[in-house]
PDB file of N, CA and C in Angstrom:
ATOM      1  N   UNK A   1     -16.339 -37.127 -41.873  1.00  0.00           N
ATOM      2  CA  UNK A   1     -16.142 -38.179 -40.901  1.00  0.00           C
ATOM      3  C   UNK A   1     -14.656 -38.404 -40.658  1.00  0.00           C
ATOM      4  N   UNK A   2     -14.349 -38.816 -39.445  1.00  0.00           N
ATOM      5  CA  UNK A   2     -12.964 -39.076 -39.078  1.00  0.00           C
ATOM      6  C   UNK A   2     -12.322 -40.084 -40.026  1.00  0.00           C
ATOM      7  N   UNK A   3     -13.062 -41.124 -40.373  1.00  0.00           N
ATOM      8  CA  UNK A   3     -12.503 -42.148 -41.248  1.00  0.00           C
ATOM      9  C   UNK A   3     -12.052 -41.553 -42.579  1.00  0.00           C
ATOM     10  N   UNK A   4     -12.860 -40.667 -43.138  1.00  0.00           N
ATOM     11  CA  UNK A   4     -12.511 -40.028 -44.409  1.00  0.00           C
ATOM     12  C   UNK A   4     -11.282 -39.143 -44.260  1.00  0.00           C
ATOM     13  N   UNK A   5     -11.208 -38.411 -43.150  1.00  0.00           N
ATOM     14  CA  UNK A   5     -10.040 -37.554 -42.935  1.00  0.00           C
ATOM     15  C   UNK A   5      -8.777 -38.391 -42.764  1.00  0.00           C
ATOM     16  N   UNK A   6      -8.890 -39.525 -42.098  1.00  0.00           N
ATOM     17  CA  UNK A   6      -7.718 -40.396 -41.945  1.00  0.00           C
ATOM     18  C   UNK A   6      -7.273 -40.958 -43.292  1.00  0.00           C
ATOM     19  N   UNK A   7      -8.225 -41.330 -44.126  1.00  0.00           N
ATOM     20  CA  UNK A   7      -7.874 -41.822 -45.468  1.00  0.00           C
ATOM     21  C   UNK A   7      -7.206 -40.712 -46.276  1.00  0.00           C
ATOM     22  N   UNK A   8      -7.735 -39.495 -46.177  1.00  0.00           N
ATOM     23  CA  UNK A   8      -7.113 -38.355 -46.861  1.00  0.00           C
ATOM     24  C   UNK A   8      -5.698 -38.124 -46.347  1.00  0.00           C
ATOM     25  N   UNK A   9      -5.511 -38.272 -45.045  1.00  0.00           N
ATOM     26  CA  UNK A   9      -4.196 -38.079 -44.447  1.00  0.00           C
ATOM     27  C   UNK A   9      -3.209 -39.123 -44.957  1.00  0.00           C
ATOM     28  N   UNK A  10      -3.645 -40.372 -45.054  1.00  0.00           N
ATOM     29  CA  UNK A  10      -2.777 -41.421 -45.595  1.00  0.00           C
ATOM     30  C   UNK A  10      -2.349 -41.092 -47.019  1.00  0.00           C
ATOM     31  N   UNK A  11      -3.286 -40.593 -47.810  1.00  0.00           N
ATOM     32  CA  UNK A  11      -2.967 -40.203 -49.184  1.00  0.00           C
ATOM     33  C   UNK A  11      -1.978 -39.050 -49.192  1.00  0.00           C
ATOM     34  N   UNK A  12      -2.233 -38.057 -48.371  1.00  0.00           N
ATOM     35  CA  UNK A  12      -1.346 -36.885 -48.287  1.00  0.00           C
ATOM     36  C   UNK A  12       0.066 -37.285 -47.862  1.00  0.00           C
ATOM     37  N   UNK A  13       0.166 -38.205 -46.924  1.00  0.00           N
ATOM     38  CA  UNK A  13       1.470 -38.646 -46.423  1.00  0.00           C
ATOM     39  C   UNK A  13       2.100 -39.715 -47.315  1.00  0.00           C
ATOM     40  N   UNK A  14       1.303 -40.265 -48.227  1.00  0.00           N
ATOM     41  CA  UNK A  14       1.753 -41.311 -49.157  1.00  0.00           C
ATOM     42  C   UNK A  14       2.300 -42.525 -48.401  1.00  0.00           C
ATOM     43  N   UNK A  15       1.517 -42.989 -47.417  1.00  0.00           N
ATOM     44  CA  UNK A  15       1.901 -44.187 -46.673  1.00  0.00           C
ATOM     45  C   UNK A  15       0.687 -45.101 -46.509  1.00  0.00           C
ATOM     46  N   UNK A  16       0.954 -46.358 -46.241  1.00  0.00           N
ATOM     47  CA  UNK A  16      -0.115 -47.340 -46.048  1.00  0.00           C
ATOM     48  C   UNK A  16      -0.660 -47.254 -44.624  1.00  0.00           C
ATOM     49  N   UNK A  17      -1.800 -47.891 -44.409  1.00  0.00           N
ATOM     50  CA  UNK A  17      -2.370 -47.949 -43.060  1.00  0.00           C
ATOM     51  C   UNK A  17      -1.378 -48.594 -42.099  1.00  0.00           C
ATOM     52  N   UNK A  18      -0.735 -49.665 -42.556  1.00  0.00           N
ATOM     53  CA  UNK A  18       0.222 -50.387 -41.712  1.00  0.00           C
ATOM     54  C   UNK A  18       1.407 -49.493 -41.353  1.00  0.00           C
ATOM     55  N   UNK A  19       1.955 -48.788 -42.347  1.00  0.00           N
ATOM     56  CA  UNK A  19       3.092 -47.891 -42.093  1.00  0.00           C
ATOM     57  C   UNK A  19       2.697 -46.799 -41.105  1.00  0.00           C
ATOM     58  N   UNK A  20       1.509 -46.254 -41.284  1.00  0.00           N
ATOM     59  CA  UNK A  20       1.015 -45.195 -40.405  1.00  0.00           C
ATOM     60  C   UNK A  20       0.936 -45.706 -38.972  1.00  0.00           C
ATOM     61  N   UNK A  21       0.299 -46.865 -38.802  1.00  0.00           N
ATOM     62  CA  UNK A  21       0.133 -47.437 -37.465  1.00  0.00           C
ATOM     63  C   UNK A  21       1.484 -47.720 -36.820  1.00  0.00           C
ATOM     64  N   UNK A  22       2.393 -48.300 -37.579  1.00  0.00           N
ATOM     65  CA  UNK A  22       3.705 -48.642 -37.032  1.00  0.00           C
ATOM     66  C   UNK A  22       4.479 -47.384 -36.646  1.00  0.00           C
ATOM     67  N   UNK A  23       4.347 -46.339 -37.446  1.00  0.00           N
ATOM     68  CA  UNK A  23       5.076 -45.098 -37.173  1.00  0.00           C
ATOM     69  C   UNK A  23       4.643 -44.479 -35.845  1.00  0.00           C
ATOM     70  N   UNK A  24       3.367 -44.613 -35.504  1.00  0.00           N
ATOM     71  CA  UNK A  24       2.900 -44.041 -34.241  1.00  0.00           C
ATOM     72  C   UNK A  24       2.849 -45.081 -33.121  1.00  0.00           C
ATOM     73  N   UNK A  25       3.331 -46.276 -33.404  1.00  0.00           N
ATOM     74  CA  UNK A  25       3.450 -47.287 -32.364  1.00  0.00           C
ATOM     75  C   UNK A  25       2.156 -47.985 -31.981  1.00  0.00           C
ATOM     76  N   UNK A  26       1.234 -48.081 -32.928  1.00  0.00           N
ATOM     77  CA  UNK A  26      -0.035 -48.757 -32.658  1.00  0.00           C
ATOM     78  C   UNK A  26      -0.144 -50.042 -33.464  1.00  0.00           C
ATOM     79  N   UNK A  27      -0.976 -50.940 -32.972  1.00  0.00           N
ATOM     80  CA  UNK A  27      -1.254 -52.174 -33.688  1.00  0.00           C
ATOM     81  C   UNK A  27      -1.980 -51.841 -34.997  1.00  0.00           C
ATOM     82  N   UNK A  28      -1.501 -52.361 -36.138  1.00  0.00           N
ATOM     83  CA  UNK A  28      -2.169 -52.075 -37.412  1.00  0.00           C
ATOM     84  C   UNK A  28      -3.643 -52.492 -37.425  1.00  0.00           C
ATOM     85  N   UNK A  29      -3.986 -53.571 -36.720  1.00  0.00           N
ATOM     86  CA  UNK A  29      -5.381 -53.998 -36.658  1.00  0.00           C
ATOM     87  C   UNK A  29      -6.264 -52.980 -35.954  1.00  0.00           C
ATOM     88  N   UNK A  30      -5.731 -52.382 -34.894  1.00  0.00           N
ATOM     89  CA  UNK A  30      -6.459 -51.340 -34.166  1.00  0.00           C
ATOM     90  C   UNK A  30      -6.720 -50.146 -35.087  1.00  0.00           C
ATOM     91  N   UNK A  31      -5.683 -49.739 -35.818  1.00  0.00           N
ATOM     92  CA  UNK A  31      -5.849 -48.602 -36.722  1.00  0.00           C
ATOM     93  C   UNK A  31      -6.843 -48.935 -37.831  1.00  0.00           C
ATOM     94  N   UNK A  32      -6.789 -50.158 -38.326  1.00  0.00           N
ATOM     95  CA  UNK A  32      -7.730 -50.586 -39.360  1.00  0.00           C
ATOM     96  C   UNK A  32      -9.168 -50.488 -38.855  1.00  0.00           C
ATOM     97  N   UNK A  33      -9.399 -50.871 -37.610  1.00  0.00           N
ATOM     98  CA  UNK A  33     -10.757 -50.771 -37.040  1.00  0.00           C
ATOM     99  C   UNK A  33     -11.204 -49.311 -36.931  1.00  0.00           C
ATOM    100  N   UNK A  34     -10.281 -48.417 -36.630  1.00  0.00           N
ATOM    101  CA  UNK A  34     -10.627 -46.986 -36.584  1.00  0.00           C
ATOM    102  C   UNK A  34     -11.015 -46.506 -37.978  1.00  0.00           C
ATOM    103  N   UNK A  35     -10.204 -46.862 -38.971  1.00  0.00           N
ATOM    104  CA  UNK A  35     -10.462 -46.448 -40.361  1.00  0.00           C
ATOM    105  C   UNK A  35     -11.825 -46.959 -40.847  1.00  0.00           C
ATOM    106  N   UNK A  36     -12.202 -48.149 -40.425  1.00  0.00           N
ATOM    107  CA  UNK A  36     -13.481 -48.736 -40.847  1.00  0.00           C
ATOM    108  C   UNK A  36     -14.652 -48.273 -39.993  1.00  0.00           C
ATOM    109  N   UNK A  37     -14.383 -47.474 -38.949  1.00  0.00           N
ATOM    110  CA  UNK A  37     -15.450 -46.989 -38.085  1.00  0.00           C
ATOM    111  C   UNK A  37     -15.928 -48.014 -37.073  1.00  0.00           C
ATOM    112  N   UNK A  38     -15.144 -49.053 -36.843  1.00  0.00           N
ATOM    113  CA  UNK A  38     -15.512 -50.115 -35.902  1.00  0.00           C
ATOM    114  C   UNK A  38     -14.961 -49.864 -34.504  1.00  0.00           C
ATOM    115  N   UNK A  39     -14.051 -48.910 -34.380  1.00  0.00           N
ATOM    116  CA  UNK A  39     -13.381 -48.630 -33.103  1.00  0.00           C
ATOM    117  C   UNK A  39     -13.290 -47.121 -32.923  1.00  0.00           C
ATOM    118  N   UNK A  40     -13.624 -46.656 -31.738  1.00  0.00           N
ATOM    119  CA  UNK A  40     -13.446 -45.240 -31.417  1.00  0.00           C
ATOM    120  C   UNK A  40     -11.990 -45.009 -31.023  1.00  0.00           C
ATOM    121  N   UNK A  41     -11.361 -43.977 -31.561  1.00  0.00           N
ATOM    122  CA  UNK A  41      -9.972 -43.700 -31.180  1.00  0.00           C
ATOM    123  C   UNK A  41      -9.886 -43.157 -29.756  1.00  0.00           C
ATOM    124  N   UNK A  42      -8.769 -43.438 -29.116  1.00  0.00           N
ATOM    125  CA  UNK A  42      -8.529 -42.952 -27.758  1.00  0.00           C
ATOM    126  C   UNK A  42      -7.837 -41.592 -27.810  1.00  0.00           C
ATOM    127  N   UNK A  43      -7.756 -40.973 -26.660  1.00  0.00           N
ATOM    128  CA  UNK A  43      -7.007 -39.716 -26.539  1.00  0.00           C
ATOM    129  C   UNK A  43      -5.555 -39.941 -26.955  1.00  0.00           C
ATOM    130  N   UNK A  44      -5.009 -41.078 -26.576  1.00  0.00           N
ATOM    131  CA  UNK A  44      -3.624 -41.409 -26.938  1.00  0.00           C
ATOM    132  C   UNK A  44      -3.453 -41.418 -28.455  1.00  0.00           C
ATOM    133  N   UNK A  45      -4.422 -41.972 -29.168  1.00  0.00           N
ATOM    134  CA  UNK A  45      -4.365 -42.001 -30.627  1.00  0.00           C
ATOM    135  C   UNK A  45      -4.252 -40.586 -31.185  1.00  0.00           C
ATOM    136  N   UNK A  46      -5.127 -39.697 -30.719  1.00  0.00           N
ATOM    137  CA  UNK A  46      -5.097 -38.322 -31.211  1.00  0.00           C
ATOM    138  C   UNK A  46      -3.760 -37.647 -30.898  1.00  0.00           C
ATOM    139  N   UNK A  47      -3.254 -37.866 -29.688  1.00  0.00           N
ATOM    140  CA  UNK A  47      -1.965 -37.278 -29.310  1.00  0.00           C
ATOM    141  C   UNK A  47      -0.834 -37.786 -30.193  1.00  0.00           C
ATOM    142  N   UNK A  48      -0.857 -39.068 -30.493  1.00  0.00           N
ATOM    143  CA  UNK A  48       0.195 -39.644 -31.331  1.00  0.00           C
ATOM    144  C   UNK A  48       0.147 -39.099 -32.753  1.00  0.00           C
ATOM    145  N   UNK A  49      -1.043 -39.055 -33.332  1.00  0.00           N
ATOM    146  CA  UNK A  49      -1.179 -38.540 -34.703  1.00  0.00           C
ATOM    147  C   UNK A  49      -0.741 -37.083 -34.753  1.00  0.00           C
ATOM    148  N   UNK A  50      -1.189 -36.322 -33.782  1.00  0.00           N
ATOM    149  CA  UNK A  50      -0.825 -34.907 -33.703  1.00  0.00           C
ATOM    150  C   UNK A  50       0.679 -34.742 -33.522  1.00  0.00           C
ATOM    151  N   UNK A  51       1.263 -35.513 -32.642  1.00  0.00           N
ATOM    152  CA  UNK A  51       2.678 -35.367 -32.329  1.00  0.00           C
ATOM    153  C   UNK A  51       3.615 -35.878 -33.397  1.00  0.00           C
ATOM    154  N   UNK A  52       3.338 -37.051 -33.935  1.00  0.00           N
ATOM    155  CA  UNK A  52       4.251 -37.666 -34.901  1.00  0.00           C
ATOM    156  C   UNK A  52       4.118 -37.035 -36.281  1.00  0.00           C
ATOM    157  N   UNK A  53       2.894 -36.784 -36.710  1.00  0.00           N
ATOM    158  CA  UNK A  53       2.677 -36.282 -38.067  1.00  0.00           C
ATOM    159  C   UNK A  53       2.366 -34.783 -38.124  1.00  0.00           C
ATOM    160  N   UNK A  54       2.356 -34.113 -36.979  1.00  0.00           N
ATOM    161  CA  UNK A  54       2.098 -32.664 -36.907  1.00  0.00           C
ATOM    162  C   UNK A  54       0.745 -32.295 -37.514  1.00  0.00           C
ATOM    163  N   UNK A  55      -0.236 -33.157 -37.253  1.00  0.00           N
ATOM    164  CA  UNK A  55      -1.586 -32.937 -37.763  1.00  0.00           C
ATOM    165  C   UNK A  55      -2.327 -31.992 -36.826  1.00  0.00           C
ATOM    166  N   UNK A  56      -3.076 -31.095 -37.407  1.00  0.00           N
ATOM    167  CA  UNK A  56      -3.915 -30.162 -36.665  1.00  0.00           C
ATOM    168  C   UNK A  56      -5.059 -30.955 -36.020  1.00  0.00           C
ATOM    169  N   UNK A  57      -5.086 -30.988 -34.722  1.00  0.00           N
ATOM    170  CA  UNK A  57      -6.098 -31.775 -33.992  1.00  0.00           C
ATOM    171  C   UNK A  57      -7.510 -31.346 -34.366  1.00  0.00           C
ATOM    172  N   UNK A  58      -7.724 -30.056 -34.507  1.00  0.00           N
ATOM    173  CA  UNK A  58      -9.058 -29.554 -34.857  1.00  0.00           C
ATOM    174  C   UNK A  58      -9.499 -30.124 -36.207  1.00  0.00           C
ATOM    175  N   UNK A  59      -8.580 -30.157 -37.170  1.00  0.00           N
ATOM    176  CA  UNK A  59      -8.907 -30.735 -38.474  1.00  0.00           C
ATOM    177  C   UNK A  59      -9.220 -32.224 -38.327  1.00  0.00           C
ATOM    178  N   UNK A  60      -8.407 -32.918 -37.569  1.00  0.00           N
ATOM    179  CA  UNK A  60      -8.589 -34.360 -37.407  1.00  0.00           C
ATOM    180  C   UNK A  60      -9.953 -34.677 -36.799  1.00  0.00           C
ATOM    181  N   UNK A  61     -10.360 -33.917 -35.812  1.00  0.00           N
ATOM    182  CA  UNK A  61     -11.628 -34.183 -35.132  1.00  0.00           C
ATOM    183  C   UNK A  61     -12.851 -33.670 -35.888  1.00  0.00           C
ATOM    184  N   UNK A  62     -12.726 -32.511 -36.549  1.00  0.00           N
ATOM    185  CA  UNK A  62     -13.919 -31.898 -37.143  1.00  0.00           C
ATOM    186  C   UNK A  62     -13.806 -31.551 -38.624  1.00  0.00           C
ATOM    187  N   UNK A  63     -12.593 -31.561 -39.153  1.00  0.00           N
ATOM    188  CA  UNK A  63     -12.399 -31.164 -40.544  1.00  0.00           C
ATOM    189  C   UNK A  63     -12.170 -29.677 -40.716  1.00  0.00           C
ATOM    190  N   UNK A  64     -12.159 -28.926 -39.620  1.00  0.00           N
ATOM    191  CA  UNK A  64     -11.952 -27.479 -39.683  1.00  0.00           C
ATOM    192  C   UNK A  64     -10.468 -27.143 -39.619  1.00  0.00           C
ATOM    193  N   UNK A  65     -10.073 -26.134 -40.384  1.00  0.00           N
ATOM    194  CA  UNK A  65      -8.695 -25.663 -40.347  1.00  0.00           C
ATOM    195  C   UNK A  65      -7.789 -26.446 -41.283  1.00  0.00           C
ATOM    196  N   UNK A  66      -6.511 -26.087 -41.270  1.00  0.00           N
ATOM    197  CA  UNK A  66      -5.547 -26.772 -42.140  1.00  0.00           C
ATOM    198  C   UNK A  66      -5.254 -28.184 -41.616  1.00  0.00           C
ATOM    199  N   UNK A  67      -4.835 -29.064 -42.516  1.00  0.00           N
ATOM    200  CA  UNK A  67      -4.522 -30.449 -42.140  1.00  0.00           C
ATOM    201  C   UNK A  67      -3.354 -30.485 -41.163  1.00  0.00           C
ATOM    202  N   UNK A  68      -2.315 -29.745 -41.487  1.00  0.00           N
ATOM    203  CA  UNK A  68      -1.109 -29.786 -40.662  1.00  0.00           C
ATOM    204  C   UNK A  68      -0.979 -28.509 -39.856  1.00  0.00           C
ATOM    205  N   UNK A  69      -0.479 -28.674 -38.633  1.00  0.00           N
ATOM    206  CA  UNK A  69      -0.256 -27.509 -37.779  1.00  0.00           C
ATOM    207  C   UNK A  69       1.162 -27.010 -37.990  1.00  0.00           C
ATOM    208  N   UNK A  70       1.390 -25.837 -37.514  1.00  0.00           N
ATOM    209  CA  UNK A  70       2.725 -25.256 -37.579  1.00  0.00           C
ATOM    210  C   UNK A  70       3.673 -26.152 -36.800  1.00  0.00           C
ATOM    211  N   UNK A  71       4.748 -26.549 -37.436  1.00  0.00           N
ATOM    212  CA  UNK A  71       5.699 -27.435 -36.753  1.00  0.00           C
ATOM    213  C   UNK A  71       6.768 -26.621 -36.038  1.00  0.00           C
ATOM    214  N   UNK A  72       6.413 -25.435 -35.570  1.00  0.00           N
ATOM    215  CA  UNK A  72       7.351 -24.570 -34.884  1.00  0.00           C
ATOM    216  C   UNK A  72       7.601 -24.979 -33.442  1.00  0.00           C
ATOM    217  N   UNK A  73       7.417 -26.250 -33.134  1.00  0.00           N
ATOM    218  CA  UNK A  73       7.678 -26.726 -31.780  1.00  0.00           C
ATOM    219  C   UNK A  73       9.173 -26.811 -31.526  1.00  0.00           C
ATOM    220  N   UNK A  74       9.546 -26.579 -30.302  1.00  0.00           N
ATOM    221  CA  UNK A  74      10.954 -26.733 -29.928  1.00  0.00           C
ATOM    222  C   UNK A  74      11.315 -28.213 -29.964  1.00  0.00           C
ATOM    223  N   UNK A  75      12.590 -28.491 -30.027  1.00  0.00           N
ATOM    224  CA  UNK A  75      13.057 -29.877 -30.040  1.00  0.00           C
ATOM    225  C   UNK A  75      12.596 -30.604 -28.782  1.00  0.00           C
ATOM    226  N   UNK A  76      12.646 -29.926 -27.663  1.00  0.00           N
ATOM    227  CA  UNK A  76      12.225 -30.546 -26.405  1.00  0.00           C
ATOM    228  C   UNK A  76      10.761 -30.962 -26.468  1.00  0.00           C
ATOM    229  N   UNK A  77       9.907 -30.082 -26.974  1.00  0.00           N
ATOM    230  CA  UNK A  77       8.484 -30.407 -27.073  1.00  0.00           C
ATOM    231  C   UNK A  77       8.258 -31.574 -28.038  1.00  0.00           C
ATOM    232  N   UNK A  78       8.972 -31.581 -29.153  1.00  0.00           N
ATOM    233  CA  UNK A  78       8.852 -32.694 -30.099  1.00  0.00           C
ATOM    234  C   UNK A  78       9.292 -33.999 -29.451  1.00  0.00           C
ATOM    235  N   UNK A  79      10.390 -33.952 -28.702  1.00  0.00           N
ATOM    236  CA  UNK A  79      10.883 -35.156 -28.025  1.00  0.00           C
ATOM    237  C   UNK A  79       9.857 -35.685 -27.031  1.00  0.00           C
ATOM    238  N   UNK A  80       9.234 -34.778 -26.281  1.00  0.00           N
ATOM    239  CA  UNK A  80       8.217 -35.187 -25.307  1.00  0.00           C
ATOM    240  C   UNK A  80       7.041 -35.852 -26.022  1.00  0.00           C
ATOM    241  N   UNK A  81       6.582 -35.256 -27.118  1.00  0.00           N
ATOM    242  CA  UNK A  81       5.457 -35.830 -27.858  1.00  0.00           C
ATOM    243  C   UNK A  81       5.783 -37.214 -28.395  1.00  0.00           C
ATOM    244  N   UNK A  82       7.006 -37.393 -28.865  1.00  0.00           N
ATOM    245  CA  UNK A  82       7.391 -38.705 -29.374  1.00  0.00           C
ATOM    246  C   UNK A  82       7.466 -39.734 -28.251  1.00  0.00           C
ATOM    247  N   UNK A  83       7.980 -39.329 -27.105  1.00  0.00           N
ATOM    248  CA  UNK A  83       8.119 -40.262 -25.986  1.00  0.00           C
ATOM    249  C   UNK A  83       6.775 -40.722 -25.433  1.00  0.00           C
ATOM    250  N   UNK A  84       5.778 -39.847 -25.443  1.00  0.00           N
ATOM    251  CA  UNK A  84       4.492 -40.264 -24.888  1.00  0.00           C
ATOM    252  C   UNK A  84       3.838 -41.343 -25.743  1.00  0.00           C
ATOM    253  N   UNK A  85       4.290 -41.480 -26.974  1.00  0.00           N
ATOM    254  CA  UNK A  85       3.760 -42.532 -27.840  1.00  0.00           C
ATOM    255  C   UNK A  85       4.021 -43.927 -27.315  1.00  0.00           C
ATOM    256  N   UNK A  86       5.012 -44.079 -26.459  1.00  0.00           N
ATOM    257  CA  UNK A  86       5.363 -45.389 -25.913  1.00  0.00           C
ATOM    258  C   UNK A  86       4.638 -45.700 -24.608  1.00  0.00           C
ATOM    259  N   UNK A  87       3.834 -44.784 -24.120  1.00  0.00           N
ATOM    260  CA  UNK A  87       3.184 -44.960 -22.821  1.00  0.00           C
ATOM    261  C   UNK A  87       1.795 -45.568 -22.967  1.00  0.00           C
ATOM    262  N   UNK A  88       1.403 -46.355 -21.968  1.00  0.00           N
ATOM    263  CA  UNK A  88       0.039 -46.875 -21.956  1.00  0.00           C
ATOM    264  C   UNK A  88      -0.873 -45.834 -21.284  1.00  0.00           C
ATOM    265  N   UNK A  89      -2.161 -46.122 -21.236  1.00  0.00           N
ATOM    266  CA  UNK A  89      -3.132 -45.153 -20.710  1.00  0.00           C
ATOM    267  C   UNK A  89      -2.841 -44.762 -19.260  1.00  0.00           C
ATOM    268  N   UNK A  90      -2.480 -45.718 -18.431  1.00  0.00           N
ATOM    269  CA  UNK A  90      -2.193 -45.413 -17.026  1.00  0.00           C
ATOM    270  C   UNK A  90      -0.969 -44.510 -16.898  1.00  0.00           C
ATOM    271  N   UNK A  91       0.046 -44.776 -17.691  1.00  0.00           N
ATOM    272  CA  UNK A  91       1.243 -43.939 -17.663  1.00  0.00           C
ATOM    273  C   UNK A  91       0.922 -42.530 -18.151  1.00  0.00           C
ATOM    274  N   UNK A  92       0.065 -42.434 -19.176  1.00  0.00           N
ATOM    275  CA  UNK A  92      -0.342 -41.114 -19.668  1.00  0.00           C
ATOM    276  C   UNK A  92      -1.081 -40.326 -18.591  1.00  0.00           C
ATOM    277  N   UNK A  93      -1.922 -41.010 -17.835  1.00  0.00           N
ATOM    278  CA  UNK A  93      -2.639 -40.339 -16.748  1.00  0.00           C
ATOM    279  C   UNK A  93      -1.661 -39.822 -15.697  1.00  0.00           C
ATOM    280  N   UNK A  94      -0.632 -40.610 -15.411  1.00  0.00           N
ATOM    281  CA  UNK A  94       0.373 -40.190 -14.432  1.00  0.00           C
ATOM    282  C   UNK A  94       1.141 -38.977 -14.940  1.00  0.00           C
ATOM    283  N   UNK A  95       1.490 -38.977 -16.229  1.00  0.00           N
ATOM    284  CA  UNK A  95       2.198 -37.837 -16.817  1.00  0.00           C
ATOM    285  C   UNK A  95       1.312 -36.599 -16.768  1.00  0.00           C
ATOM    286  N   UNK A  96       0.045 -36.762 -17.112  1.00  0.00           N
ATOM    287  CA  UNK A  96      -0.893 -35.639 -17.074  1.00  0.00           C
ATOM    288  C   UNK A  96      -1.001 -35.063 -15.666  1.00  0.00           C
ATOM    289  N   UNK A  97      -1.121 -35.918 -14.674  1.00  0.00           N
ATOM    290  CA  UNK A  97      -1.208 -35.450 -13.289  1.00  0.00           C
ATOM    291  C   UNK A  97       0.059 -34.696 -12.891  1.00  0.00           C
ATOM    292  N   UNK A  98       1.204 -35.203 -13.310  1.00  0.00           N
ATOM    293  CA  UNK A  98       2.472 -34.545 -12.994  1.00  0.00           C
ATOM    294  C   UNK A  98       2.554 -33.175 -13.673  1.00  0.00           C
ATOM    295  N   UNK A  99       2.147 -33.104 -14.924  1.00  0.00           N
ATOM    296  CA  UNK A  99       2.187 -31.823 -15.639  1.00  0.00           C
ATOM    297  C   UNK A  99       1.234 -30.809 -15.004  1.00  0.00           C
ATOM    298  N   UNK A 100       0.077 -31.276 -14.575  1.00  0.00           N
ATOM    299  CA  UNK A 100      -0.860 -30.378 -13.901  1.00  0.00           C
ATOM    300  C   UNK A 100      -0.266 -29.887 -12.583  1.00  0.00           C
ATOM    301  N   UNK A 101       0.440 -30.752 -11.881  1.00  0.00           N
ATOM    302  CA  UNK A 101       1.119 -30.366 -10.647  1.00  0.00           C
ATOM    303  C   UNK A 101       2.178 -29.302 -10.938  1.00  0.00           C
ATOM    304  N   UNK A 102       2.965 -29.513 -11.985  1.00  0.00           N
ATOM    305  CA  UNK A 102       4.011 -28.545 -12.341  1.00  0.00           C
ATOM    306  C   UNK A 102       3.421 -27.183 -12.695  1.00  0.00           C
ATOM    307  N   UNK A 103       2.297 -27.194 -13.372  1.00  0.00           N
ATOM    308  CA  UNK A 103       1.655 -25.943 -13.778  1.00  0.00           C
ATOM    309  C   UNK A 103       1.222 -25.132 -12.562  1.00  0.00           C
ATOM    310  N   UNK A 104       0.804 -25.810 -11.496  1.00  0.00           N
ATOM    311  CA  UNK A 104       0.347 -25.136 -10.284  1.00  0.00           C
ATOM    312  C   UNK A 104       1.502 -24.623  -9.435  1.00  0.00           C
ATOM    313  N   UNK A 105       2.672 -25.228  -9.585  1.00  0.00           N
ATOM    314  CA  UNK A 105       3.827 -24.863  -8.738  1.00  0.00           C
ATOM    315  C   UNK A 105       4.355 -23.491  -9.075  1.00  0.00           C
TER     316      UNK A 105
END
């Protein structure tokens, strides 16, 4: 279950739920509800965990594969991932639309 993997991740990172939430820019109460299975995580949540902590998304969602992904990202890509953590859902949709436009150009 996702909740168990998140608890394992907290142990692996040696940080509290509050520290984890603050590091990715989320309300600690929201993260607590995810950990307890009371709240479904958003796409933004997955992107933040993946980007800030370099967690393998496949592992986070299903438990398959290694916990951490290769952190061989360029500085630019890391910077972009960190910046999207400050965006709300509407802003993320706008960024996604822009990136899709760039890909087609």
